[in-house]
């Protein structure tokens, strides 16, 4: 399929965001490029780990931990789903369509431009995290938006590539979540009962185990018959 048409407004946005790279000091632009390529994905992984630390002792920890596992799996599924989409659309990257017009801060990028793998994976993780823990999820959503911005900033994606990536990641994380949770939750619950994976959903040290109702109740004192009138 031929490349997508690029309205003037999209090219204006592309040049405006990518043009920041020329106006910023070199080290700052390189830092933004590094964060977009590696830093933000690593930060999202750290957020998943932090969310596990927050929910691992909750009453319904198995469901929450399953949701965190789905966050990572959803990112991978979004990338897999994008393979046929990218081949079908076959949109060249912006620096290929417009040679010499952009400042490309990430070298060696091949493949098609639509949709952005980084954007789709980041949004999939963010949405899945939001379903588990709203506070951590909001931070992840902010990072996902920054991820999309950096892909345009470094000159390897059009804005619509990023928007398409966000839509794909959100669709995967939401639409496939019920089926994924139906499988992952019992797996996590079962694994948590084993010695090897008990750390996934550790029980609270106190107050988390119900009292044993099988213990005999103390015997009631009865009056001495000899004292009866």
C-alpha atoms as a PDB file:
ATOM      1  CA  UNK A   1       0.000   0.000   0.000  1.00  0.00           C
ATOM      2  CA  UNK A   2       1.274   3.458  -0.820  1.00  0.00           C
ATOM      3  CA  UNK A   3       2.428   5.712   1.950  1.00  0.00           C
ATOM      4  CA  UNK A   4      -0.195   7.634   3.842  1.00  0.00           C
ATOM      5  CA  UNK A   5      -0.919  11.143   2.622  1.00  0.00           C
ATOM      6  CA  UNK A   6       0.657  13.755   4.865  1.00  0.00           C
ATOM      7  CA  UNK A   7      -1.463  16.865   5.349  1.00  0.00           C
ATOM      8  CA  UNK A   8       0.406  20.136   5.669  1.00  0.00           C
ATOM      9  CA  UNK A   9      -0.667  20.400   9.301  1.00  0.00           C
ATOM     10  CA  UNK A  10       1.061  17.136  10.151  1.00  0.00           C
ATOM     11  CA  UNK A  11       4.242  18.201   8.409  1.00  0.00           C
ATOM     12  CA  UNK A  12       4.109  21.503  10.279  1.00  0.00           C
ATOM     13  CA  UNK A  13       3.823  19.635  13.586  1.00  0.00           C
ATOM     14  CA  UNK A  14       6.628  17.278  12.590  1.00  0.00           C
ATOM     15  CA  UNK A  15       8.965  20.120  11.640  1.00  0.00           C
ATOM     16  CA  UNK A  16       7.972  22.131  14.699  1.00  0.00           C
ATOM     17  CA  UNK A  17       8.711  19.337  17.186  1.00  0.00           C
ATOM     18  CA  UNK A  18      11.780  18.022  15.401  1.00  0.00           C
ATOM     19  CA  UNK A  19      13.042  21.576  14.978  1.00  0.00           C
ATOM     20  CA  UNK A  20      13.436  21.799  18.748  1.00  0.00           C
ATOM     21  CA  UNK A  21      16.448  19.520  18.385  1.00  0.00           C
ATOM     22  CA  UNK A  22      18.309  22.285  16.549  1.00  0.00           C
ATOM     23  CA  UNK A  23      17.369  24.945  19.078  1.00  0.00           C
ATOM     24  CA  UNK A  24      18.336  22.940  22.149  1.00  0.00           C
ATOM     25  CA  UNK A  25      21.937  22.461  23.271  1.00  0.00           C
ATOM     26  CA  UNK A  26      23.437  19.293  21.839  1.00  0.00           C
ATOM     27  CA  UNK A  27      23.733  17.432  25.166  1.00  0.00           C
ATOM     28  CA  UNK A  28      20.103  18.225  26.009  1.00  0.00           C
ATOM     29  CA  UNK A  29      18.847  16.989  22.642  1.00  0.00           C
ATOM     30  CA  UNK A  30      20.928  13.825  22.985  1.00  0.00           C
ATOM     31  CA  UNK A  31      19.527  13.249  26.475  1.00  0.00           C
ATOM     32  CA  UNK A  32      15.959  13.539  25.201  1.00  0.00           C
ATOM     33  CA  UNK A  33      16.805  11.101  22.409  1.00  0.00           C
ATOM     34  CA  UNK A  34      18.301   8.622  24.899  1.00  0.00           C
ATOM     35  CA  UNK A  35      15.285   8.887  27.174  1.00  0.00           C
ATOM     36  CA  UNK A  36      12.927   8.284  24.263  1.00  0.00           C
ATOM     37  CA  UNK A  37      14.858   5.284  23.026  1.00  0.00           C
ATOM     38  CA  UNK A  38      15.791   3.601  26.310  1.00  0.00           C
ATOM     39  CA  UNK A  39      15.027   5.685  29.401  1.00  0.00           C
ATOM     40  CA  UNK A  40      11.240   5.826  29.259  1.00  0.00           C
ATOM     41  CA  UNK A  41      10.837   2.097  28.469  1.00  0.00           C
ATOM     42  CA  UNK A  42      13.054   1.303  31.462  1.00  0.00           C
ATOM     43  CA  UNK A  43      11.084   3.725  33.628  1.00  0.00           C
ATOM     44  CA  UNK A  44       7.861   1.927  32.684  1.00  0.00           C
ATOM     45  CA  UNK A  45       9.407  -1.383  33.716  1.00  0.00           C
ATOM     46  CA  UNK A  46      10.386   0.214  37.035  1.00  0.00           C
ATOM     47  CA  UNK A  47       6.806   1.427  37.495  1.00  0.00           C
ATOM     48  CA  UNK A  48       5.482  -2.094  37.001  1.00  0.00           C
ATOM     49  CA  UNK A  49       7.871  -3.302  39.712  1.00  0.00           C
ATOM     50  CA  UNK A  50       6.834  -0.454  42.022  1.00  0.00           C
ATOM     51  CA  UNK A  51       3.166  -1.244  41.477  1.00  0.00           C
ATOM     52  CA  UNK A  52       3.853  -4.871  42.436  1.00  0.00           C
ATOM     53  CA  UNK A  53       5.479  -3.647  45.651  1.00  0.00           C
ATOM     54  CA  UNK A  54       2.326  -1.638  46.424  1.00  0.00           C
ATOM     55  CA  UNK A  55      -0.279  -4.324  45.684  1.00  0.00           C
ATOM     56  CA  UNK A  56       1.482  -7.579  46.557  1.00  0.00           C
ATOM     57  CA  UNK A  57      -0.051  -7.816  50.042  1.00  0.00           C
ATOM     58  CA  UNK A  58      -3.563  -6.661  49.161  1.00  0.00           C
ATOM     59  CA  UNK A  59      -6.495  -8.952  49.833  1.00  0.00           C
ATOM     60  CA  UNK A  60      -6.925  -9.547  46.097  1.00  0.00           C
ATOM     61  CA  UNK A  61      -3.209  -9.534  45.336  1.00  0.00           C
ATOM     62  CA  UNK A  62      -3.459 -12.387  42.820  1.00  0.00           C
ATOM     63  CA  UNK A  63      -5.718 -10.356  40.549  1.00  0.00           C
ATOM     64  CA  UNK A  64      -3.546  -7.250  40.870  1.00  0.00           C
ATOM     65  CA  UNK A  65      -0.316  -9.120  40.139  1.00  0.00           C
ATOM     66  CA  UNK A  66      -1.987 -10.793  37.165  1.00  0.00           C
ATOM     67  CA  UNK A  67      -2.840  -7.318  35.902  1.00  0.00           C
ATOM     68  CA  UNK A  68       0.799  -6.306  36.182  1.00  0.00           C
ATOM     69  CA  UNK A  69       1.866  -9.369  34.241  1.00  0.00           C
ATOM     70  CA  UNK A  70      -0.679  -8.411  31.603  1.00  0.00           C
ATOM     71  CA  UNK A  71       0.967  -4.974  31.349  1.00  0.00           C
ATOM     72  CA  UNK A  72       4.170  -6.557  30.092  1.00  0.00           C
ATOM     73  CA  UNK A  73       2.426  -9.090  27.908  1.00  0.00           C
ATOM     74  CA  UNK A  74       0.175  -6.418  26.380  1.00  0.00           C
ATOM     75  CA  UNK A  75       3.227  -4.451  25.259  1.00  0.00           C
ATOM     76  CA  UNK A  76       4.545  -7.513  23.446  1.00  0.00           C
ATOM     77  CA  UNK A  77       1.157  -8.289  21.914  1.00  0.00           C
ATOM     78  CA  UNK A  78       0.868  -4.714  20.630  1.00  0.00           C
ATOM     79  CA  UNK A  79       4.218  -5.070  18.895  1.00  0.00           C
ATOM     80  CA  UNK A  80       3.161  -8.358  17.311  1.00  0.00           C
ATOM     81  CA  UNK A  81      -0.148  -6.935  16.118  1.00  0.00           C
ATOM     82  CA  UNK A  82       1.705  -4.033  14.559  1.00  0.00           C
ATOM     83  CA  UNK A  83       3.740  -6.280  12.245  1.00  0.00           C
ATOM     84  CA  UNK A  84       0.954  -6.965   9.722  1.00  0.00           C
ATOM     85  CA  UNK A  85      -0.357  -3.397  10.113  1.00  0.00           C
ATOM     86  CA  UNK A  86       3.035  -1.916   9.267  1.00  0.00           C
ATOM     87  CA  UNK A  87       3.482  -4.213   6.263  1.00  0.00           C
ATOM     88  CA  UNK A  88       0.000  -3.388   4.989  1.00  0.00           C
ATOM     89  CA  UNK A  89       0.342   0.383   5.330  1.00  0.00           C
ATOM     90  CA  UNK A  90       4.015   0.395   4.237  1.00  0.00           C
ATOM     91  CA  UNK A  91       4.639   3.995   5.225  1.00  0.00           C
ATOM     92  CA  UNK A  92       8.291   5.110   4.942  1.00  0.00           C
ATOM     93  CA  UNK A  93       9.828   6.937   7.866  1.00  0.00           C
ATOM     94  CA  UNK A  94       9.731  10.739   7.665  1.00  0.00           C
ATOM     95  CA  UNK A  95      13.464  11.114   7.107  1.00  0.00           C
ATOM     96  CA  UNK A  96      13.096   8.822   4.079  1.00  0.00           C
ATOM     97  CA  UNK A  97      10.182  10.798   2.634  1.00  0.00           C
ATOM     98  CA  UNK A  98      11.835  14.133   3.378  1.00  0.00           C
ATOM     99  CA  UNK A  99      15.608  13.666   3.118  1.00  0.00           C
ATOM    100  CA  UNK A 100      17.667  16.527   4.450  1.00  0.00           C
ATOM    101  CA  UNK A 101      14.683  18.266   6.048  1.00  0.00           C
ATOM    102  CA  UNK A 102      14.853  16.676   9.502  1.00  0.00           C
ATOM    103  CA  UNK A 103      17.360  16.332  12.306  1.00  0.00           C
ATOM    104  CA  UNK A 104      17.566  12.580  12.937  1.00  0.00           C
ATOM    105  CA  UNK A 105      18.912  11.884  16.417  1.00  0.00           C
ATOM    106  CA  UNK A 106      18.575   8.088  16.337  1.00  0.00           C
ATOM    107  CA  UNK A 107      20.554   6.375  13.607  1.00  0.00           C
ATOM    108  CA  UNK A 108      19.980   2.972  12.077  1.00  0.00           C
ATOM    109  CA  UNK A 109      16.197   3.014  12.181  1.00  0.00           C
ATOM    110  CA  UNK A 110      14.765   0.799   9.464  1.00  0.00           C
ATOM    111  CA  UNK A 111      11.356  -0.692   8.873  1.00  0.00           C
ATOM    112  CA  UNK A 112       8.093   1.114   8.348  1.00  0.00           C
ATOM    113  CA  UNK A 113       6.932   4.193  10.194  1.00  0.00           C
ATOM    114  CA  UNK A 114       3.257   3.422  10.929  1.00  0.00           C
ATOM    115  CA  UNK A 115       2.574   2.673  13.712  1.00  0.00           C
ATOM    116  CA  UNK A 116       5.158   3.543  16.353  1.00  0.00           C
ATOM    117  CA  UNK A 117       6.177   0.425  18.295  1.00  0.00           C
ATOM    118  CA  UNK A 118       7.501   2.540  21.149  1.00  0.00           C
ATOM    119  CA  UNK A 119       4.232   4.444  21.446  1.00  0.00           C
ATOM    120  CA  UNK A 120       2.016   1.368  21.246  1.00  0.00           C
ATOM    121  CA  UNK A 121       4.024  -0.572  23.837  1.00  0.00           C
ATOM    122  CA  UNK A 122       4.196   2.396  26.223  1.00  0.00           C
ATOM    123  CA  UNK A 123       0.447   3.014  26.036  1.00  0.00           C
ATOM    124  CA  UNK A 124      -0.348  -0.682  26.484  1.00  0.00           C
ATOM    125  CA  UNK A 125       1.717  -0.765  29.689  1.00  0.00           C
ATOM    126  CA  UNK A 126       0.217   2.513  30.915  1.00  0.00           C
ATOM    127  CA  UNK A 127      -3.400   1.432  30.405  1.00  0.00           C
ATOM    128  CA  UNK A 128      -2.815  -1.967  32.002  1.00  0.00           C
ATOM    129  CA  UNK A 129      -1.106  -0.289  34.969  1.00  0.00           C
ATOM    130  CA  UNK A 130      -3.978   2.169  35.343  1.00  0.00           C
ATOM    131  CA  UNK A 131      -6.405  -0.736  35.630  1.00  0.00           C
ATOM    132  CA  UNK A 132      -4.374  -2.081  38.557  1.00  0.00           C
ATOM    133  CA  UNK A 133      -3.322   1.114  40.381  1.00  0.00           C
ATOM    134  CA  UNK A 134      -4.612   4.519  39.344  1.00  0.00           C
ATOM    135  CA  UNK A 135      -1.807   6.550  40.881  1.00  0.00           C
ATOM    136  CA  UNK A 136       0.968   4.564  39.237  1.00  0.00           C
ATOM    137  CA  UNK A 137      -1.107   4.345  36.064  1.00  0.00           C
ATOM    138  CA  UNK A 138      -1.355   8.123  35.772  1.00  0.00           C
ATOM    139  CA  UNK A 139       2.415   8.414  36.015  1.00  0.00           C
ATOM    140  CA  UNK A 140       2.731   5.725  33.339  1.00  0.00           C
ATOM    141  CA  UNK A 141       0.273   7.568  31.093  1.00  0.00           C
ATOM    142  CA  UNK A 142       2.356  10.734  31.407  1.00  0.00           C
ATOM    143  CA  UNK A 143       5.467   8.763  30.465  1.00  0.00           C
ATOM    144  CA  UNK A 144       3.650   7.219  27.490  1.00  0.00           C
ATOM    145  CA  UNK A 145       2.761  10.685  26.200  1.00  0.00           C
ATOM    146  CA  UNK A 146       6.384  11.749  26.612  1.00  0.00           C
ATOM    147  CA  UNK A 147       7.406   8.605  24.738  1.00  0.00           C
ATOM    148  CA  UNK A 148       5.238   9.606  21.802  1.00  0.00           C
ATOM    149  CA  UNK A 149       6.648  13.127  21.799  1.00  0.00           C
ATOM    150  CA  UNK A 150      10.226  11.897  21.704  1.00  0.00           C
ATOM    151  CA  UNK A 151       9.556   9.678  18.656  1.00  0.00           C
ATOM    152  CA  UNK A 152       8.621  12.773  16.676  1.00  0.00           C
ATOM    153  CA  UNK A 153      11.368  14.832  18.302  1.00  0.00           C
ATOM    154  CA  UNK A 154      14.112  12.474  17.121  1.00  0.00           C
ATOM    155  CA  UNK A 155      12.694  12.465  13.581  1.00  0.00           C
ATOM    156  CA  UNK A 156      11.808   8.790  13.194  1.00  0.00           C
ATOM    157  CA  UNK A 157       7.990   9.018  13.237  1.00  0.00           C
ATOM    158  CA  UNK A 158       5.169  11.231  12.023  1.00  0.00           C
ATOM    159  CA  UNK A 159       2.693  12.489  14.650  1.00  0.00           C
ATOM    160  CA  UNK A 160       0.003  10.208  13.203  1.00  0.00           C
ATOM    161  CA  UNK A 161       2.339   7.220  13.714  1.00  0.00           C
ATOM    162  CA  UNK A 162       2.370   8.037  17.404  1.00  0.00           C
ATOM    163  CA  UNK A 163      -1.396   8.560  17.591  1.00  0.00           C
ATOM    164  CA  UNK A 164      -1.908   5.253  15.820  1.00  0.00           C
ATOM    165  CA  UNK A 165       0.478   3.604  18.264  1.00  0.00           C
ATOM    166  CA  UNK A 166      -1.439   5.009  21.214  1.00  0.00           C
ATOM    167  CA  UNK A 167      -4.720   3.726  19.772  1.00  0.00           C
ATOM    168  CA  UNK A 168      -3.259   0.277  19.124  1.00  0.00           C
ATOM    169  CA  UNK A 169      -1.743  -0.038  22.590  1.00  0.00           C
ATOM    170  CA  UNK A 170      -4.947   1.094  24.263  1.00  0.00           C
ATOM    171  CA  UNK A 171      -7.079  -1.296  22.203  1.00  0.00           C
ATOM    172  CA  UNK A 172      -4.857  -4.279  22.995  1.00  0.00           C
ATOM    173  CA  UNK A 173      -4.659  -3.494  26.721  1.00  0.00           C
ATOM    174  CA  UNK A 174      -8.422  -3.011  27.105  1.00  0.00           C
ATOM    175  CA  UNK A 175     -10.006  -5.423  24.643  1.00  0.00           C
ATOM    176  CA  UNK A 176      -7.831  -8.422  25.457  1.00  0.00           C
ATOM    177  CA  UNK A 177      -7.672  -7.792  29.210  1.00  0.00           C
ATOM    178  CA  UNK A 178     -10.712  -9.931  30.179  1.00  0.00           C
ATOM    179  CA  UNK A 179      -9.389 -13.020  28.405  1.00  0.00           C
ATOM    180  CA  UNK A 180      -5.855 -12.421  29.660  1.00  0.00           C
ATOM    181  CA  UNK A 181      -6.984 -11.941  33.261  1.00  0.00           C
ATOM    182  CA  UNK A 182      -9.136 -15.062  33.112  1.00  0.00           C
ATOM    183  CA  UNK A 183      -5.977 -17.035  32.372  1.00  0.00           C
ATOM    184  CA  UNK A 184      -3.381 -15.126  34.399  1.00  0.00           C
ATOM    185  CA  UNK A 185      -5.288 -14.718  37.669  1.00  0.00           C
ATOM    186  CA  UNK A 186      -5.647 -18.435  38.505  1.00  0.00           C
ATOM    187  CA  UNK A 187      -2.052 -18.993  37.387  1.00  0.00           C
ATOM    188  CA  UNK A 188      -0.781 -16.322  39.771  1.00  0.00           C
ATOM    189  CA  UNK A 189      -3.020 -17.598  42.563  1.00  0.00           C
ATOM    190  CA  UNK A 190      -1.732 -21.119  42.091  1.00  0.00           C
ATOM    191  CA  UNK A 191       1.883 -20.019  41.820  1.00  0.00           C
ATOM    192  CA  UNK A 192       1.543 -17.965  44.998  1.00  0.00           C
ATOM    193  CA  UNK A 193       0.718 -21.135  46.918  1.00  0.00           C
ATOM    194  CA  UNK A 194       4.009 -22.751  45.944  1.00  0.00           C
ATOM    195  CA  UNK A 195       7.254 -22.270  47.825  1.00  0.00           C
ATOM    196  CA  UNK A 196       9.140 -21.135  44.737  1.00  0.00           C
ATOM    197  CA  UNK A 197       6.725 -18.311  43.837  1.00  0.00           C
ATOM    198  CA  UNK A 198       5.223 -17.426  47.214  1.00  0.00           C
ATOM    199  CA  UNK A 199       6.977 -14.042  46.948  1.00  0.00           C
ATOM    200  CA  UNK A 200       4.554 -13.036  44.158  1.00  0.00           C
ATOM    201  CA  UNK A 201       1.683 -12.576  46.598  1.00  0.00           C
ATOM    202  CA  UNK A 202       3.164 -12.790  50.112  1.00  0.00           C
ATOM    203  CA  UNK A 203       0.671 -12.958  52.930  1.00  0.00           C
ATOM    204  CA  UNK A 204       0.639 -10.181  55.533  1.00  0.00           C
ATOM    205  CA  UNK A 205       2.769 -10.900  58.570  1.00  0.00           C
ATOM    206  CA  UNK A 206      -0.179 -10.283  60.894  1.00  0.00           C
ATOM    207  CA  UNK A 207      -3.851  -9.721  60.529  1.00  0.00           C
ATOM    208  CA  UNK A 208      -3.983 -11.365  57.128  1.00  0.00           C
ATOM    209  CA  UNK A 209      -4.800 -14.902  58.202  1.00  0.00           C
ATOM    210  CA  UNK A 210      -8.245 -15.718  59.443  1.00  0.00           C
ATOM    211  CA  UNK A 211      -8.506 -17.104  62.918  1.00  0.00           C
ATOM    212  CA  UNK A 212      -9.000 -20.836  63.264  1.00  0.00           C
ATOM    213  CA  UNK A 213     -12.627 -21.393  64.256  1.00  0.00           C
ATOM    214  CA  UNK A 214     -12.005 -25.099  64.900  1.00  0.00           C
ATOM    215  CA  UNK A 215     -10.443 -24.492  68.306  1.00  0.00           C
ATOM    216  CA  UNK A 216     -12.712 -25.672  71.196  1.00  0.00           C
ATOM    217  CA  UNK A 217     -14.455 -22.922  73.086  1.00  0.00           C
ATOM    218  CA  UNK A 218     -13.597 -22.589  76.804  1.00  0.00           C
ATOM    219  CA  UNK A 219     -15.943 -24.588  79.005  1.00  0.00           C
ATOM    220  CA  UNK A 220     -18.514 -22.595  80.933  1.00  0.00           C
ATOM    221  CA  UNK A 221     -18.384 -22.750  84.697  1.00  0.00           C
ATOM    222  CA  UNK A 222     -21.384 -24.404  86.286  1.00  0.00           C
ATOM    223  CA  UNK A 223     -22.689 -24.034  89.767  1.00  0.00           C
ATOM    224  CA  UNK A 224     -21.689 -26.669  92.315  1.00  0.00           C
ATOM    225  CA  UNK A 225     -24.738 -28.919  92.874  1.00  0.00           C
ATOM    226  CA  UNK A 226     -23.862 -29.134  96.523  1.00  0.00           C
ATOM    227  CA  UNK A 227     -24.431 -25.409  96.899  1.00  0.00           C
ATOM    228  CA  UNK A 228     -27.914 -25.561  95.501  1.00  0.00           C
ATOM    229  CA  UNK A 229     -30.640 -24.767  97.937  1.00  0.00           C
END
